[in-house]
Amino acid sequence: MKKLLVPRMVYVVVFLILAGSFFFIPPTHAQTASNPQFLVTWRSTASSIPSNYPGKALPSYGSKVTADFELVSAGKVLNISGQTIYWYLEDTLIGGGVGVQQLTFPLFGTPPNTLTLRIEIPNYNGQYLIHTLDLPFANPAVVIYAPYSGGTFSSNPVDVTALPYFFNASPSQLTYTWAVNGQTGANAENPQTAEVTLPQGTPAGTGITVSLSVENPVGAVTAAAESTLTYSGQL
């Protein structure tokens, strides 16, 4: 009987067809669904900033942080109300329990520093989920606001304003100590501003140094600033 020879190409095609029937690569979205992501937000609950400051109020000495999170997969928020959740700050357990997705806590240590917050879900569909993020721990600060281009002014008297940042108190609760060329003074009506009056006949080009110290009476936390202004003479 005459043997039939099957071309090699046929073997290759048959192998590819069989291989395709036994090996299946799942779509990308199936892999993503098995890896839920943490969506974490936080805010400082007691940290003052100027009303026009576009940045975030950073926690400092005496302030607290409120953090909360959602678990998201494939663009959907997952229900984890029945999950046990643990919160750690710098490896110290600070809270937890079933469905605890929000926590308010104080920071510890000495600023400026960065502290690591860690959230753990021990058993989500057989997975041990962990998420970490860094929280800034800032010192209070103050800026002397003098709205004069290049620090040069021609009016007399001249006003400057204190802009405190990250104090654990409102600006009205702080104590302001002003000094001009080493001489201290205060504005009884509005301690957050200082009015600088130059003597008559002060020559153009005279420089003045405005110093400021701000203290939070609670905790005795202070911040200081200094600004140099130049008198250009009356216009």
Protein backbone atom coordinates (compact mmCIF):
# COMPACT_ATOMS: atom_id res chain seq x y z
CA MET A 1 0.00 0.00 0.00
CA LYS A 2 1.28 3.42 -0.84
CA LYS A 3 2.03 5.58 2.20
CA LEU A 4 0.61 9.09 2.32
CA LEU A 5 3.09 11.73 3.39
CA VAL A 6 1.63 14.62 5.39
CA PRO A 7 3.48 17.86 4.82
CA ARG A 8 5.27 19.34 7.83
CA MET A 9 3.19 22.52 7.57
CA VAL A 10 0.08 20.51 8.40
CA TYR A 11 1.70 19.26 11.61
CA VAL A 12 2.57 22.82 12.58
CA VAL A 13 -0.98 24.05 11.97
CA VAL A 14 -2.50 21.16 13.94
CA PHE A 15 -0.10 21.82 16.86
CA LEU A 16 -0.98 25.50 16.95
CA ILE A 17 -4.70 24.73 16.93
CA LEU A 18 -4.32 22.24 19.77
CA ALA A 19 -2.06 24.58 21.74
CA GLY A 20 -4.60 27.35 21.36
CA SER A 21 -7.32 25.08 22.71
CA PHE A 22 -5.35 24.22 25.88
CA PHE A 23 -3.72 27.58 26.75
CA PHE A 24 -5.88 30.63 27.44
CA ILE A 25 -4.52 34.00 28.50
CA PRO A 26 -7.13 35.87 30.55
CA PRO A 27 -7.88 39.47 29.59
CA THR A 28 -6.10 42.31 31.34
CA HIS A 29 -9.16 43.45 33.32
CA ALA A 30 -9.33 40.04 35.05
CA GLN A 31 -5.81 40.57 36.45
CA THR A 32 -6.62 44.10 37.57
CA ALA A 33 -9.76 42.96 39.39
CA SER A 34 -7.69 40.63 41.60
CA ASN A 35 -5.44 43.49 42.77
CA PRO A 36 -7.57 46.08 44.57
CA GLN A 37 -6.04 49.51 45.13
CA PHE A 38 -6.18 51.78 48.20
CA LEU A 39 -7.50 55.31 47.65
CA VAL A 40 -6.36 57.25 50.73
CA THR A 41 -7.00 60.88 51.66
CA TRP A 42 -5.90 62.77 54.76
CA ARG A 43 -6.23 66.20 56.32
CA SER A 44 -4.92 67.99 59.37
CA THR A 45 -7.72 68.71 61.81
CA ALA A 46 -5.98 71.57 63.65
CA SER A 47 -3.48 73.46 61.54
CA SER A 48 -4.07 77.09 60.58
CA ILE A 49 -3.16 78.55 57.19
CA PRO A 50 -3.90 81.92 55.53
CA SER A 51 -7.24 82.00 53.70
CA ASN A 52 -5.59 82.56 50.30
CA TYR A 53 -2.97 79.84 50.71
CA PRO A 54 -3.44 77.34 47.83
CA GLY A 55 -1.56 74.51 49.49
CA LYS A 56 -2.51 71.96 52.11
CA ALA A 57 -2.50 72.57 55.85
CA LEU A 58 0.32 70.41 57.19
CA PRO A 59 0.13 68.78 60.61
CA SER A 60 2.52 70.18 63.19
CA TYR A 61 3.10 70.00 66.93
CA GLY A 62 -0.20 69.43 68.73
CA SER A 63 -2.34 68.92 65.62
CA LYS A 64 -4.06 65.72 64.55
CA VAL A 65 -4.59 63.92 61.25
CA THR A 66 -7.81 62.40 59.96
CA ALA A 67 -7.23 59.73 57.31
CA ASP A 68 -9.78 57.67 55.42
CA PHE A 69 -9.68 55.29 52.49
CA GLU A 70 -11.66 53.29 49.97
CA LEU A 71 -10.68 50.03 48.33
CA VAL A 72 -11.12 50.20 44.57
CA SER A 73 -11.02 47.53 41.87
CA ALA A 74 -11.75 47.91 38.15
CA GLY A 75 -13.00 51.43 38.77
CA LYS A 76 -15.51 50.36 41.43
CA VAL A 77 -15.52 51.01 45.16
CA LEU A 78 -15.53 47.72 47.06
CA ASN A 79 -17.63 47.02 50.13
CA ILE A 80 -15.21 46.28 52.97
CA SER A 81 -17.54 47.08 55.86
CA GLY A 82 -17.10 43.52 57.14
CA GLN A 83 -13.32 43.46 56.85
CA THR A 84 -10.92 43.75 59.80
CA ILE A 85 -8.63 46.73 59.25
CA TYR A 86 -5.48 47.71 61.16
CA TRP A 87 -3.82 51.15 61.23
CA TYR A 88 -0.15 51.68 62.10
CA LEU A 89 1.96 54.82 62.48
CA GLU A 90 5.71 54.17 62.41
CA ASP A 91 4.99 50.47 63.09
CA THR A 92 2.92 51.33 66.18
CA LEU A 93 -0.69 50.10 66.17
CA ILE A 94 -2.90 53.20 66.53
CA GLY A 95 -6.34 51.80 65.76
CA GLY A 96 -8.40 49.23 63.94
CA GLY A 97 -11.41 47.01 63.93
CA VAL A 98 -14.13 45.76 61.61
CA GLY A 99 -14.92 48.31 58.89
CA VAL A 100 -12.69 51.05 60.36
CA GLN A 101 -12.00 53.04 57.19
CA GLN A 102 -11.44 56.37 58.95
CA LEU A 103 -9.18 57.25 61.85
CA THR A 104 -8.17 60.46 63.65
CA PHE A 105 -4.84 60.37 65.47
CA PRO A 106 -2.05 62.63 66.78
CA LEU A 107 1.44 62.55 65.35
CA PHE A 108 4.39 61.79 67.59
CA GLY A 109 8.07 62.54 67.51
CA THR A 110 9.79 65.82 66.72
CA PRO A 111 9.12 67.86 63.57
CA PRO A 112 10.22 68.42 60.91
CA ASN A 113 9.91 64.81 59.96
CA THR A 114 8.04 62.33 57.78
CA LEU A 115 5.99 59.60 59.42
CA THR A 116 4.83 56.41 57.71
CA LEU A 117 1.16 55.48 57.92
CA ARG A 118 0.32 51.84 57.14
CA ILE A 119 -3.09 50.26 56.57
CA GLU A 120 -3.53 46.48 56.58
CA ILE A 121 -6.45 44.23 55.64
CA PRO A 122 -5.37 40.71 56.69
CA ASN A 123 -7.86 38.63 54.74
CA TYR A 124 -9.56 40.15 51.72
CA ASN A 125 -10.62 37.21 49.54
CA GLY A 126 -7.58 35.31 50.74
CA GLN A 127 -5.19 38.23 50.18
CA TYR A 128 -3.21 40.17 52.78
CA LEU A 129 -3.47 43.78 51.61
CA ILE A 130 -1.02 46.45 52.78
CA HIS A 131 -0.76 50.13 51.87
CA THR A 132 1.71 52.72 53.15
CA LEU A 133 2.04 56.46 52.69
CA ASP A 134 4.22 59.22 54.12
CA LEU A 135 2.72 61.99 56.24
CA PRO A 136 4.62 65.28 56.55
CA PHE A 137 5.19 66.54 60.10
CA ALA A 138 6.00 70.25 59.87
CA ASN A 139 7.20 73.01 62.13
CA PRO A 140 4.98 76.08 62.41
CA ALA A 141 6.18 79.00 60.32
CA VAL A 142 5.42 82.67 59.79
CA VAL A 143 5.91 85.02 56.85
CA ILE A 144 6.08 88.80 57.00
CA TYR A 145 3.87 90.08 54.19
CA ALA A 146 5.07 93.44 52.89
CA PRO A 147 3.33 94.21 49.57
CA TYR A 148 6.13 96.33 48.15
CA SER A 149 7.98 95.45 44.98
CA GLY A 150 11.56 94.50 45.72
CA GLY A 151 11.03 95.42 49.37
CA THR A 152 11.15 99.13 48.47
CA PHE A 153 8.50 101.51 49.79
CA SER A 154 7.84 105.24 49.56
CA SER A 155 4.86 105.74 51.86
CA ASN A 156 5.28 106.68 55.49
CA PRO A 157 4.09 105.04 57.68
CA VAL A 158 4.16 101.56 56.17
CA ASP A 159 2.18 98.47 57.19
CA VAL A 160 3.36 94.86 57.30
CA THR A 161 1.32 91.76 58.18
CA ALA A 162 2.13 88.44 59.83
CA LEU A 163 0.96 85.31 58.00
CA PRO A 164 1.25 82.30 60.31
CA TYR A 165 1.25 78.73 58.96
CA PHE A 166 0.63 75.34 60.58
CA PHE A 167 -0.01 76.49 64.14
CA ASN A 168 -2.35 74.43 66.28
CA ALA A 169 -4.40 77.58 66.93
CA SER A 170 -6.19 80.29 64.99
CA PRO A 171 -4.21 83.47 64.17
CA SER A 172 -6.19 85.45 66.74
CA GLN A 173 -5.04 83.08 69.51
CA LEU A 174 -1.34 83.63 68.80
CA THR A 175 1.00 86.15 70.42
CA TYR A 176 2.90 88.48 68.06
CA THR A 177 6.10 90.29 69.02
CA TRP A 178 7.30 92.86 66.49
CA ALA A 179 10.62 94.71 66.36
CA VAL A 180 11.91 97.38 63.97
CA ASN A 181 15.68 97.79 63.90
CA GLY A 182 15.77 96.05 67.27
CA GLN A 183 13.11 98.18 68.95
CA THR A 184 10.02 96.23 69.98
CA GLY A 185 6.47 97.44 69.59
CA ALA A 186 2.91 96.19 69.30
CA ASN A 187 -0.37 97.04 67.62
CA ALA A 188 -3.02 96.83 70.30
CA GLU A 189 -5.92 96.93 67.83
CA ASN A 190 -4.54 94.31 65.45
CA PRO A 191 -1.51 92.43 66.81
CA GLN A 192 -1.11 90.58 63.51
CA THR A 193 0.00 93.80 61.75
CA ALA A 194 2.71 96.34 62.47
CA GLU A 195 2.82 99.98 61.45
CA VAL A 196 6.31 101.30 60.82
CA THR A 197 6.73 105.09 61.01
CA LEU A 198 9.96 106.71 59.92
CA PRO A 199 11.13 110.05 61.38
CA GLN A 200 10.66 113.11 59.23
CA GLY A 201 13.67 113.76 57.04
CA THR A 202 14.67 110.10 56.76
CA PRO A 203 16.95 109.98 53.68
CA ALA A 204 16.13 107.81 50.68
CA GLY A 205 17.91 104.49 50.68
CA THR A 206 17.48 103.96 54.40
CA GLY A 207 17.00 100.31 55.23
CA ILE A 208 14.88 98.95 58.06
CA THR A 209 14.80 95.46 59.48
CA VAL A 210 11.43 94.14 60.60
CA SER A 211 11.57 91.15 62.93
CA LEU A 212 8.70 89.03 64.15
CA SER A 213 8.24 86.26 66.66
CA VAL A 214 4.96 84.35 66.89
CA GLU A 215 4.10 82.10 69.81
CA ASN A 216 1.28 79.69 70.49
CA PRO A 217 0.63 80.09 74.22
CA VAL A 218 -0.59 76.49 74.34
CA GLY A 219 2.54 74.39 74.14
CA ALA A 220 4.87 77.40 73.82
CA VAL A 221 5.52 76.73 70.14
CA THR A 222 7.18 79.62 68.33
CA ALA A 223 8.15 80.69 64.83
CA ALA A 224 10.18 83.67 63.71
CA ALA A 225 10.76 85.71 60.56
CA GLU A 226 12.72 88.74 59.44
CA SER A 227 12.34 91.07 56.49
CA THR A 228 14.46 93.97 55.23
CA LEU A 229 12.76 96.94 53.59
CA THR A 230 14.26 99.97 51.91
CA TYR A 231 12.82 103.49 52.05
CA SER A 232 12.94 105.13 48.62
CA GLY A 233 11.80 108.58 49.80
CA GLN A 234 8.51 110.39 49.39
CA LEU A 235 7.24 110.51 45.80
